[in-house]
Amino acid sequence: MTMKTFHIAALAGLTFLAQAAIADSVIYDMPYDGSVVFRAGDGSDVAEANCITCHSTDYIEYQPPGKGPDFWKAEVHKMIAIYGAPITEEDGDIIAAYLAAQY
């Protein structure tokens, strides 16, 4: 690579970086269509308050039915430990019990 080619490539790269730095970020507002519905039961309010901040009920509905408490405890723990869901341990227990009973 010649020095002239290097300077042209460096200038092009800096131009691209400068444009990226001053570009406005875009914020998307997702429409709420009211489709998030949790099955009625003890703990549904806690599940709704915590779970829909990250995903719809589709994630829950698509799990195999009747998996039981151990499965749902592990799922809730994964949401907290791996995905960083801001759920307290107490709420996590309530959510897991609710999901095991309803799904």
PDB file of N, CA and C in Angstrom:
ATOM      1  N   MET A   1       0.859  -1.166   0.000  1.00  0.00           N
ATOM      2  CA  MET A   1       0.000   0.000   0.000  1.00  0.00           C
ATOM      3  C   MET A   1       0.904   1.228   0.000  1.00  0.00           C
ATOM      4  N   THR A   2       0.662   2.113  -0.905  1.00  0.00           N
ATOM      5  CA  THR A   2       1.468   3.321  -0.977  1.00  0.00           C
ATOM      6  C   THR A   2       1.006   4.299   0.095  1.00  0.00           C
ATOM      7  N   MET A   3       1.836   5.275   0.350  1.00  0.00           N
ATOM      8  CA  MET A   3       1.515   6.275   1.364  1.00  0.00           C
ATOM      9  C   MET A   3       0.269   7.064   0.967  1.00  0.00           C
ATOM     10  N   LYS A   4       0.129   7.367  -0.328  1.00  0.00           N
ATOM     11  CA  LYS A   4      -1.030   8.121  -0.797  1.00  0.00           C
ATOM     12  C   LYS A   4      -2.314   7.305  -0.581  1.00  0.00           C
ATOM     13  N   THR A   5      -2.284   6.028  -0.905  1.00  0.00           N
ATOM     14  CA  THR A   5      -3.443   5.156  -0.710  1.00  0.00           C
ATOM     15  C   THR A   5      -3.786   5.061   0.776  1.00  0.00           C
ATOM     16  N   PHE A   6      -2.759   4.959   1.602  1.00  0.00           N
ATOM     17  CA  PHE A   6      -2.975   4.893   3.046  1.00  0.00           C
ATOM     18  C   PHE A   6      -3.670   6.154   3.551  1.00  0.00           C
ATOM     19  N   HIS A   7      -3.202   7.320   3.115  1.00  0.00           N
ATOM     20  CA  HIS A   7      -3.800   8.579   3.557  1.00  0.00           C
ATOM     21  C   HIS A   7      -5.253   8.704   3.095  1.00  0.00           C
ATOM     22  N   ILE A   8      -5.545   8.280   1.881  1.00  0.00           N
ATOM     23  CA  ILE A   8      -6.922   8.336   1.378  1.00  0.00           C
ATOM     24  C   ILE A   8      -7.815   7.403   2.192  1.00  0.00           C
ATOM     25  N   ALA A   9      -7.329   6.204   2.467  1.00  0.00           N
ATOM     26  CA  ALA A   9      -8.109   5.244   3.256  1.00  0.00           C
ATOM     27  C   ALA A   9      -8.322   5.762   4.677  1.00  0.00           C
ATOM     28  N   ALA A  10      -7.288   6.349   5.264  1.00  0.00           N
ATOM     29  CA  ALA A  10      -7.406   6.891   6.618  1.00  0.00           C
ATOM     30  C   ALA A  10      -8.398   8.049   6.652  1.00  0.00           C
ATOM     31  N   LEU A  11      -8.341   8.922   5.668  1.00  0.00           N
ATOM     32  CA  LEU A  11      -9.267  10.053   5.599  1.00  0.00           C
ATOM     33  C   LEU A  11     -10.705   9.562   5.426  1.00  0.00           C
ATOM     34  N   ALA A  12     -10.903   8.565   4.591  1.00  0.00           N
ATOM     35  CA  ALA A  12     -12.246   8.007   4.392  1.00  0.00           C
ATOM     36  C   ALA A  12     -12.760   7.386   5.695  1.00  0.00           C
ATOM     37  N   GLY A  13     -11.889   6.675   6.389  1.00  0.00           N
ATOM     38  CA  GLY A  13     -12.281   6.066   7.662  1.00  0.00           C
ATOM     39  C   GLY A  13     -12.634   7.104   8.707  1.00  0.00           C
ATOM     40  N   LEU A  14     -11.843   8.154   8.804  1.00  0.00           N
ATOM     41  CA  LEU A  14     -12.124   9.217   9.767  1.00  0.00           C
ATOM     42  C   LEU A  14     -13.416   9.946   9.428  1.00  0.00           C
ATOM     43  N   THR A  15     -13.668  10.140   8.144  1.00  0.00           N
ATOM     44  CA  THR A  15     -14.918  10.783   7.722  1.00  0.00           C
ATOM     45  C   THR A  15     -16.113   9.939   8.142  1.00  0.00           C
ATOM     46  N   PHE A  16     -16.015   8.640   7.927  1.00  0.00           N
ATOM     47  CA  PHE A  16     -17.096   7.734   8.323  1.00  0.00           C
ATOM     48  C   PHE A  16     -17.307   7.772   9.834  1.00  0.00           C
ATOM     49  N   LEU A  17     -16.235   7.721  10.601  1.00  0.00           N
ATOM     50  CA  LEU A  17     -16.348   7.750  12.062  1.00  0.00           C
ATOM     51  C   LEU A  17     -16.939   9.064  12.552  1.00  0.00           C
ATOM     52  N   ALA A  18     -16.555  10.166  11.932  1.00  0.00           N
ATOM     53  CA  ALA A  18     -17.089  11.469  12.331  1.00  0.00           C
ATOM     54  C   ALA A  18     -18.590  11.536  12.068  1.00  0.00           C
ATOM     55  N   GLN A  19     -19.025  11.019  10.937  1.00  0.00           N
ATOM     56  CA  GLN A  19     -20.454  11.022  10.629  1.00  0.00           C
ATOM     57  C   GLN A  19     -21.223  10.132  11.599  1.00  0.00           C
ATOM     58  N   ALA A  20     -20.662   9.002  11.938  1.00  0.00           N
ATOM     59  CA  ALA A  20     -21.329   8.096  12.874  1.00  0.00           C
ATOM     60  C   ALA A  20     -21.427   8.729  14.259  1.00  0.00           C
ATOM     61  N   ALA A  21     -20.414   9.485  14.648  1.00  0.00           N
ATOM     62  CA  ALA A  21     -20.401  10.098  15.975  1.00  0.00           C
ATOM     63  C   ALA A  21     -21.442  11.203  16.113  1.00  0.00           C
ATOM     64  N   ILE A  22     -21.709  11.925  15.037  1.00  0.00           N
ATOM     65  CA  ILE A  22     -22.656  13.037  15.139  1.00  0.00           C
ATOM     66  C   ILE A  22     -24.074  12.651  14.729  1.00  0.00           C
ATOM     67  N   ALA A  23     -24.261  11.438  14.271  1.00  0.00           N
ATOM     68  CA  ALA A  23     -25.598  11.000  13.850  1.00  0.00           C
ATOM     69  C   ALA A  23     -26.516  10.905  15.065  1.00  0.00           C
ATOM     70  N   ASP A  24     -27.761  11.296  14.876  1.00  0.00           N
ATOM     71  CA  ASP A  24     -28.743  11.200  15.953  1.00  0.00           C
ATOM     72  C   ASP A  24     -29.163   9.751  16.141  1.00  0.00           C
ATOM     73  N   SER A  25     -29.339   9.377  17.392  1.00  0.00           N
ATOM     74  CA  SER A  25     -29.845   8.035  17.648  1.00  0.00           C
ATOM     75  C   SER A  25     -31.346   8.014  17.383  1.00  0.00           C
ATOM     76  N   VAL A  26     -31.844   6.854  17.082  1.00  0.00           N
ATOM     77  CA  VAL A  26     -33.258   6.697  16.774  1.00  0.00           C
ATOM     78  C   VAL A  26     -33.911   5.912  17.895  1.00  0.00           C
ATOM     79  N   ILE A  27     -35.019   6.423  18.381  1.00  0.00           N
ATOM     80  CA  ILE A  27     -35.774   5.747  19.429  1.00  0.00           C
ATOM     81  C   ILE A  27     -37.082   5.264  18.819  1.00  0.00           C
ATOM     82  N   TYR A  28     -37.343   3.986  18.977  1.00  0.00           N
ATOM     83  CA  TYR A  28     -38.566   3.405  18.442  1.00  0.00           C
ATOM     84  C   TYR A  28     -39.552   3.167  19.569  1.00  0.00           C
ATOM     85  N   ASP A  29     -40.754   3.655  19.414  1.00  0.00           N
ATOM     86  CA  ASP A  29     -41.831   3.372  20.352  1.00  0.00           C
ATOM     87  C   ASP A  29     -42.672   2.257  19.767  1.00  0.00           C
ATOM     88  N   MET A  30     -42.685   1.133  20.455  1.00  0.00           N
ATOM     89  CA  MET A  30     -43.468   0.003  19.987  1.00  0.00           C
ATOM     90  C   MET A  30     -44.912   0.185  20.439  1.00  0.00           C
ATOM     91  N   PRO A  31     -45.839   0.003  19.536  1.00  0.00           N
ATOM     92  CA  PRO A  31     -47.246   0.182  19.919  1.00  0.00           C
ATOM     93  C   PRO A  31     -47.710  -0.937  20.838  1.00  0.00           C
ATOM     94  N   TYR A  32     -48.444  -0.573  21.853  1.00  0.00           N
ATOM     95  CA  TYR A  32     -49.027  -1.566  22.746  1.00  0.00           C
ATOM     96  C   TYR A  32     -50.435  -1.838  22.260  1.00  0.00           C
ATOM     97  N   ASP A  33     -50.672  -3.053  21.843  1.00  0.00           N
ATOM     98  CA  ASP A  33     -51.981  -3.382  21.283  1.00  0.00           C
ATOM     99  C   ASP A  33     -52.883  -4.106  22.280  1.00  0.00           C
ATOM    100  N   GLY A  34     -52.447  -4.182  23.526  1.00  0.00           N
ATOM    101  CA  GLY A  34     -53.270  -4.815  24.553  1.00  0.00           C
ATOM    102  C   GLY A  34     -53.263  -6.327  24.499  1.00  0.00           C
ATOM    103  N   SER A  35     -52.369  -6.908  23.711  1.00  0.00           N
ATOM    104  CA  SER A  35     -52.381  -8.356  23.546  1.00  0.00           C
ATOM    105  C   SER A  35     -51.644  -9.105  24.650  1.00  0.00           C
ATOM    106  N   VAL A  36     -50.989  -8.394  25.545  1.00  0.00           N
ATOM    107  CA  VAL A  36     -50.282  -9.059  26.635  1.00  0.00           C
ATOM    108  C   VAL A  36     -51.295  -9.421  27.709  1.00  0.00           C
ATOM    109  N   VAL A  37     -51.638 -10.685  27.761  1.00  0.00           N
ATOM    110  CA  VAL A  37     -52.635 -11.138  28.718  1.00  0.00           C
ATOM    111  C   VAL A  37     -52.093 -12.361  29.441  1.00  0.00           C
ATOM    112  N   PHE A  38     -51.970 -12.242  30.735  1.00  0.00           N
ATOM    113  CA  PHE A  38     -51.557 -13.373  31.551  1.00  0.00           C
ATOM    114  C   PHE A  38     -52.799 -14.093  32.059  1.00  0.00           C
ATOM    115  N   ARG A  39     -52.716 -15.395  32.162  1.00  0.00           N
ATOM    116  CA  ARG A  39     -53.829 -16.162  32.705  1.00  0.00           C
ATOM    117  C   ARG A  39     -54.056 -15.744  34.153  1.00  0.00           C
ATOM    118  N   ALA A  40     -55.312 -15.660  34.548  1.00  0.00           N
ATOM    119  CA  ALA A  40     -55.644 -15.259  35.914  1.00  0.00           C
ATOM    120  C   ALA A  40     -55.129 -16.303  36.899  1.00  0.00           C
ATOM    121  N   GLY A  41     -54.622 -15.818  38.019  1.00  0.00           N
ATOM    122  CA  GLY A  41     -54.139 -16.719  39.056  1.00  0.00           C
ATOM    123  C   GLY A  41     -53.273 -15.975  40.040  1.00  0.00           C
ATOM    124  N   ASP A  42     -52.996 -16.621  41.177  1.00  0.00           N
ATOM    125  CA  ASP A  42     -52.131 -16.015  42.188  1.00  0.00           C
ATOM    126  C   ASP A  42     -50.760 -15.736  41.583  1.00  0.00           C
ATOM    127  N   GLY A  43     -50.351 -14.486  41.621  1.00  0.00           N
ATOM    128  CA  GLY A  43     -49.051 -14.090  41.108  1.00  0.00           C
ATOM    129  C   GLY A  43     -49.079 -13.533  39.702  1.00  0.00           C
ATOM    130  N   SER A  44     -50.252 -13.515  39.066  1.00  0.00           N
ATOM    131  CA  SER A  44     -50.306 -12.997  37.691  1.00  0.00           C
ATOM    132  C   SER A  44     -49.912 -11.528  37.634  1.00  0.00           C
ATOM    133  N   ASP A  45     -50.260 -10.772  38.671  1.00  0.00           N
ATOM    134  CA  ASP A  45     -49.900  -9.355  38.692  1.00  0.00           C
ATOM    135  C   ASP A  45     -48.389  -9.165  38.771  1.00  0.00           C
ATOM    136  N   VAL A  46     -47.724 -10.010  39.558  1.00  0.00           N
ATOM    137  CA  VAL A  46     -46.263  -9.922  39.692  1.00  0.00           C
ATOM    138  C   VAL A  46     -45.597 -10.344  38.379  1.00  0.00           C
ATOM    139  N   ALA A  47     -46.104 -11.403  37.776  1.00  0.00           N
ATOM    140  CA  ALA A  47     -45.548 -11.859  36.498  1.00  0.00           C
ATOM    141  C   ALA A  47     -45.721 -10.791  35.424  1.00  0.00           C
ATOM    142  N   GLU A  48     -46.910 -10.220  35.351  1.00  0.00           N
ATOM    143  CA  GLU A  48     -47.165  -9.195  34.339  1.00  0.00           C
ATOM    144  C   GLU A  48     -46.272  -7.979  34.553  1.00  0.00           C
ATOM    145  N   ALA A  49     -46.130  -7.554  35.797  1.00  0.00           N
ATOM    146  CA  ALA A  49     -45.321  -6.365  36.096  1.00  0.00           C
ATOM    147  C   ALA A  49     -43.848  -6.577  35.752  1.00  0.00           C
ATOM    148  N   ASN A  50     -43.369  -7.804  35.870  1.00  0.00           N
ATOM    149  CA  ASN A  50     -41.949  -8.067  35.647  1.00  0.00           C
ATOM    150  C   ASN A  50     -41.630  -8.608  34.260  1.00  0.00           C
ATOM    151  N   CYS A  51     -42.432  -9.505  33.765  1.00  0.00           N
ATOM    152  CA  CYS A  51     -42.080 -10.232  32.542  1.00  0.00           C
ATOM    153  C   CYS A  51     -42.241  -9.406  31.272  1.00  0.00           C
ATOM    154  N   ILE A  52     -43.299  -8.597  31.207  1.00  0.00           N
ATOM    155  CA  ILE A  52     -43.540  -7.876  29.952  1.00  0.00           C
ATOM    156  C   ILE A  52     -42.601  -6.692  29.744  1.00  0.00           C
ATOM    157  N   THR A  53     -41.729  -6.424  30.708  1.00  0.00           N
ATOM    158  CA  THR A  53     -40.728  -5.385  30.472  1.00  0.00           C
ATOM    159  C   THR A  53     -39.706  -5.846  29.439  1.00  0.00           C
ATOM    160  N   CYS A  54     -39.594  -7.172  29.251  1.00  0.00           N
ATOM    161  CA  CYS A  54     -38.617  -7.708  28.300  1.00  0.00           C
ATOM    162  C   CYS A  54     -39.232  -8.483  27.140  1.00  0.00           C
ATOM    163  N   HIS A  55     -40.357  -9.135  27.360  1.00  0.00           N
ATOM    164  CA  HIS A  55     -40.933  -9.961  26.292  1.00  0.00           C
ATOM    165  C   HIS A  55     -42.439 -10.093  26.465  1.00  0.00           C
ATOM    166  N   SER A  56     -43.075 -10.567  25.417  1.00  0.00           N
ATOM    167  CA  SER A  56     -44.522 -10.769  25.449  1.00  0.00           C
ATOM    168  C   SER A  56     -44.847 -12.109  26.103  1.00  0.00           C
ATOM    169  N   THR A  57     -46.118 -12.374  26.245  1.00  0.00           N
ATOM    170  CA  THR A  57     -46.521 -13.667  26.804  1.00  0.00           C
ATOM    171  C   THR A  57     -46.269 -14.800  25.819  1.00  0.00           C
ATOM    172  N   ASP A  58     -45.982 -14.469  24.570  1.00  0.00           N
ATOM    173  CA  ASP A  58     -45.688 -15.524  23.597  1.00  0.00           C
ATOM    174  C   ASP A  58     -44.556 -16.419  24.074  1.00  0.00           C
ATOM    175  N   TYR A  59     -43.536 -15.818  24.683  1.00  0.00           N
ATOM    176  CA  TYR A  59     -42.405 -16.614  25.171  1.00  0.00           C
ATOM    177  C   TYR A  59     -42.888 -17.663  26.165  1.00  0.00           C
ATOM    178  N   ILE A  60     -43.831 -17.291  26.999  1.00  0.00           N
ATOM    179  CA  ILE A  60     -44.367 -18.208  28.006  1.00  0.00           C
ATOM    180  C   ILE A  60     -45.292 -19.230  27.349  1.00  0.00           C
ATOM    181  N   GLU A  61     -46.168 -18.753  26.489  1.00  0.00           N
ATOM    182  CA  GLU A  61     -47.152 -19.625  25.839  1.00  0.00           C
ATOM    183  C   GLU A  61     -46.502 -20.713  24.991  1.00  0.00           C
ATOM    184  N   TYR A  62     -45.345 -20.434  24.402  1.00  0.00           N
ATOM    185  CA  TYR A  62     -44.701 -21.394  23.511  1.00  0.00           C
ATOM    186  C   TYR A  62     -43.900 -22.468  24.241  1.00  0.00           C
ATOM    187  N   GLN A  63     -43.805 -22.385  25.548  1.00  0.00           N
ATOM    188  CA  GLN A  63     -43.115 -23.426  26.304  1.00  0.00           C
ATOM    189  C   GLN A  63     -44.011 -24.664  26.376  1.00  0.00           C
ATOM    190  N   PRO A  64     -43.425 -25.842  26.451  1.00  0.00           N
ATOM    191  CA  PRO A  64     -44.244 -27.054  26.575  1.00  0.00           C
ATOM    192  C   PRO A  64     -45.099 -26.983  27.839  1.00  0.00           C
ATOM    193  N   PRO A  65     -46.375 -27.323  27.757  1.00  0.00           N
ATOM    194  CA  PRO A  65     -47.258 -27.213  28.926  1.00  0.00           C
ATOM    195  C   PRO A  65     -46.907 -28.218  30.018  1.00  0.00           C
ATOM    196  N   GLY A  66     -47.213 -27.812  31.253  1.00  0.00           N
ATOM    197  CA  GLY A  66     -47.054 -28.707  32.395  1.00  0.00           C
ATOM    198  C   GLY A  66     -45.625 -29.052  32.759  1.00  0.00           C
ATOM    199  N   LYS A  67     -44.700 -28.141  32.542  1.00  0.00           N
ATOM    200  CA  LYS A  67     -43.289 -28.430  32.837  1.00  0.00           C
ATOM    201  C   LYS A  67     -42.984 -28.473  34.330  1.00  0.00           C
ATOM    202  N   GLY A  68     -43.802 -27.839  35.149  1.00  0.00           N
ATOM    203  CA  GLY A  68     -43.629 -27.939  36.593  1.00  0.00           C
ATOM    204  C   GLY A  68     -42.743 -26.875  37.203  1.00  0.00           C
ATOM    205  N   PRO A  69     -42.694 -26.883  38.536  1.00  0.00           N
ATOM    206  CA  PRO A  69     -41.980 -25.835  39.278  1.00  0.00           C
ATOM    207  C   PRO A  69     -40.482 -25.760  39.000  1.00  0.00           C
ATOM    208  N   ASP A  70     -39.804 -26.896  38.894  1.00  0.00           N
ATOM    209  CA  ASP A  70     -38.351 -26.859  38.679  1.00  0.00           C
ATOM    210  C   ASP A  70     -37.995 -26.197  37.346  1.00  0.00           C
ATOM    211  N   PHE A  71     -38.756 -26.520  36.318  1.00  0.00           N
ATOM    212  CA  PHE A  71     -38.528 -25.907  35.005  1.00  0.00           C
ATOM    213  C   PHE A  71     -38.686 -24.396  35.089  1.00  0.00           C
ATOM    214  N   TRP A  72     -39.791 -23.950  35.694  1.00  0.00           N
ATOM    215  CA  TRP A  72     -40.063 -22.511  35.730  1.00  0.00           C
ATOM    216  C   TRP A  72     -39.111 -21.773  36.662  1.00  0.00           C
ATOM    217  N   LYS A  73     -38.681 -22.414  37.758  1.00  0.00           N
ATOM    218  CA  LYS A  73     -37.666 -21.787  38.618  1.00  0.00           C
ATOM    219  C   LYS A  73     -36.384 -21.569  37.824  1.00  0.00           C
ATOM    220  N   ALA A  74     -35.998 -22.573  37.042  1.00  0.00           N
ATOM    221  CA  ALA A  74     -34.781 -22.454  36.232  1.00  0.00           C
ATOM    222  C   ALA A  74     -34.934 -21.363  35.169  1.00  0.00           C
ATOM    223  N   GLU A  75     -36.105 -21.275  34.548  1.00  0.00           N
ATOM    224  CA  GLU A  75     -36.339 -20.247  33.533  1.00  0.00           C
ATOM    225  C   GLU A  75     -36.269 -18.844  34.135  1.00  0.00           C
ATOM    226  N   VAL A  76     -36.920 -18.660  35.275  1.00  0.00           N
ATOM    227  CA  VAL A  76     -36.904 -17.345  35.926  1.00  0.00           C
ATOM    228  C   VAL A  76     -35.486 -17.004  36.373  1.00  0.00           C
ATOM    229  N   HIS A  77     -34.773 -17.992  36.925  1.00  0.00           N
ATOM    230  CA  HIS A  77     -33.385 -17.759  37.339  1.00  0.00           C
ATOM    231  C   HIS A  77     -32.531 -17.354  36.130  1.00  0.00           C
ATOM    232  N   LYS A  78     -32.746 -18.014  34.985  1.00  0.00           N
ATOM    233  CA  LYS A  78     -32.006 -17.670  33.767  1.00  0.00           C
ATOM    234  C   LYS A  78     -32.290 -16.227  33.356  1.00  0.00           C
ATOM    235  N   MET A  79     -33.541 -15.811  33.447  1.00  0.00           N
ATOM    236  CA  MET A  79     -33.894 -14.442  33.076  1.00  0.00           C
ATOM    237  C   MET A  79     -33.153 -13.433  33.957  1.00  0.00           C
ATOM    238  N   ILE A  80     -32.999 -13.777  35.227  1.00  0.00           N
ATOM    239  CA  ILE A  80     -32.319 -12.879  36.167  1.00  0.00           C
ATOM    240  C   ILE A  80     -30.806 -12.939  35.982  1.00  0.00           C
ATOM    241  N   ALA A  81     -30.239 -14.151  36.042  1.00  0.00           N
ATOM    242  CA  ALA A  81     -28.785 -14.323  36.052  1.00  0.00           C
ATOM    243  C   ALA A  81     -28.138 -14.098  34.687  1.00  0.00           C
ATOM    244  N   ILE A  82     -28.765 -14.580  33.632  1.00  0.00           N
ATOM    245  CA  ILE A  82     -28.154 -14.502  32.306  1.00  0.00           C
ATOM    246  C   ILE A  82     -28.578 -13.250  31.546  1.00  0.00           C
ATOM    247  N   TYR A  83     -29.876 -12.967  31.554  1.00  0.00           N
ATOM    248  CA  TYR A  83     -30.390 -11.844  30.771  1.00  0.00           C
ATOM    249  C   TYR A  83     -30.481 -10.542  31.561  1.00  0.00           C
ATOM    250  N   GLY A  84     -30.224 -10.588  32.864  1.00  0.00           N
ATOM    251  CA  GLY A  84     -30.201  -9.365  33.664  1.00  0.00           C
ATOM    252  C   GLY A  84     -31.557  -8.782  33.996  1.00  0.00           C
ATOM    253  N   ALA A  85     -32.584  -9.623  34.045  1.00  0.00           N
ATOM    254  CA  ALA A  85     -33.921  -9.130  34.390  1.00  0.00           C
ATOM    255  C   ALA A  85     -33.907  -8.573  35.813  1.00  0.00           C
ATOM    256  N   PRO A  86     -34.430  -7.363  36.003  1.00  0.00           N
ATOM    257  CA  PRO A  86     -34.428  -6.745  37.338  1.00  0.00           C
ATOM    258  C   PRO A  86     -35.565  -7.277  38.209  1.00  0.00           C
ATOM    259  N   ILE A  87     -35.473  -8.547  38.567  1.00  0.00           N
ATOM    260  CA  ILE A  87     -36.507  -9.215  39.355  1.00  0.00           C
ATOM    261  C   ILE A  87     -35.894  -9.613  40.692  1.00  0.00           C
ATOM    262  N   THR A  88     -36.591  -9.292  41.782  1.00  0.00           N
ATOM    263  CA  THR A  88     -36.100  -9.689  43.099  1.00  0.00           C
ATOM    264  C   THR A  88     -36.267 -11.193  43.270  1.00  0.00           C
ATOM    265  N   GLU A  89     -35.534 -11.754  44.216  1.00  0.00           N
ATOM    266  CA  GLU A  89     -35.638 -13.191  44.484  1.00  0.00           C
ATOM    267  C   GLU A  89     -37.053 -13.554  44.916  1.00  0.00           C
ATOM    268  N   GLU A  90     -37.643 -12.699  45.747  1.00  0.00           N
ATOM    269  CA  GLU A  90     -39.016 -12.944  46.214  1.00  0.00           C
ATOM    270  C   GLU A  90     -39.999 -12.950  45.041  1.00  0.00           C
ATOM    271  N   ASP A  91     -39.904 -11.953  44.166  1.00  0.00           N
ATOM    272  CA  ASP A  91     -40.779 -11.915  42.996  1.00  0.00           C
ATOM    273  C   ASP A  91     -40.501 -13.090  42.061  1.00  0.00           C
ATOM    274  N   GLY A  92     -39.240 -13.480  41.955  1.00  0.00           N
ATOM    275  CA  GLY A  92     -38.888 -14.627  41.121  1.00  0.00           C
ATOM    276  C   GLY A  92     -39.570 -15.898  41.584  1.00  0.00           C
ATOM    277  N   ASP A  93     -39.626 -16.096  42.898  1.00  0.00           N
ATOM    278  CA  ASP A  93     -40.311 -17.271  43.451  1.00  0.00           C
ATOM    279  C   ASP A  93     -41.810 -17.219  43.163  1.00  0.00           C
ATOM    280  N   ILE A  94     -42.391 -16.033  43.297  1.00  0.00           N
ATOM    281  CA  ILE A  94     -43.826 -15.862  43.020  1.00  0.00           C
ATOM    282  C   ILE A  94     -44.111 -16.136  41.541  1.00  0.00           C
ATOM    283  N   ILE A  95     -43.263 -15.602  40.679  1.00  0.00           N
ATOM    284  CA  ILE A  95     -43.445 -15.787  39.235  1.00  0.00           C
ATOM    285  C   ILE A  95     -43.322 -17.259  38.862  1.00  0.00           C
ATOM    286  N   ALA A  96     -42.300 -17.932  39.380  1.00  0.00           N
ATOM    287  CA  ALA A  96     -42.102 -19.351  39.062  1.00  0.00           C
ATOM    288  C   ALA A  96     -43.291 -20.188  39.525  1.00  0.00           C
ATOM    289  N   ALA A  97     -43.801 -19.910  40.723  1.00  0.00           N
ATOM    290  CA  ALA A  97     -44.961 -20.652  41.233  1.00  0.00           C
ATOM    291  C   ALA A  97     -46.190 -20.386  40.370  1.00  0.00           C
ATOM    292  N   TYR A  98     -46.389 -19.138  39.986  1.00  0.00           N
ATOM    293  CA  TYR A  98     -47.515 -18.782  39.122  1.00  0.00           C
ATOM    294  C   TYR A  98     -47.418 -19.495  37.777  1.00  0.00           C
ATOM    295  N   LEU A  99     -46.248 -19.443  37.149  1.00  0.00           N
ATOM    296  CA  LEU A  99     -46.077 -20.074  35.842  1.00  0.00           C
ATOM    297  C   LEU A  99     -46.264 -21.584  35.918  1.00  0.00           C
ATOM    298  N   ALA A 100     -45.763 -22.198  36.980  1.00  0.00           N
ATOM    299  CA  ALA A 100     -45.928 -23.647  37.143  1.00  0.00           C
ATOM    300  C   ALA A 100     -47.398 -24.020  37.296  1.00  0.00           C
ATOM    301  N   ALA A 101     -48.155 -23.180  37.968  1.00  0.00           N
ATOM    302  CA  ALA A 101     -49.576 -23.473  38.196  1.00  0.00           C
ATOM    303  C   ALA A 101     -50.425 -23.193  36.960  1.00  0.00           C
ATOM    304  N   GLN A 102     -50.063 -22.193  36.179  1.00  0.00           N
ATOM    305  CA  GLN A 102     -50.915 -21.749  35.074  1.00  0.00           C
ATOM    306  C   GLN A 102     -50.483 -22.231  33.693  1.00  0.00           C
ATOM    307  N   TYR A 103     -49.222 -22.550  33.546  1.00  0.00           N
ATOM    308  CA  TYR A 103     -48.731 -22.920  32.219  1.00  0.00           C
ATOM    309  C   TYR A 103     -48.103 -24.293  32.256  1.00  0.00           C
TER     310      TYR A 103
END
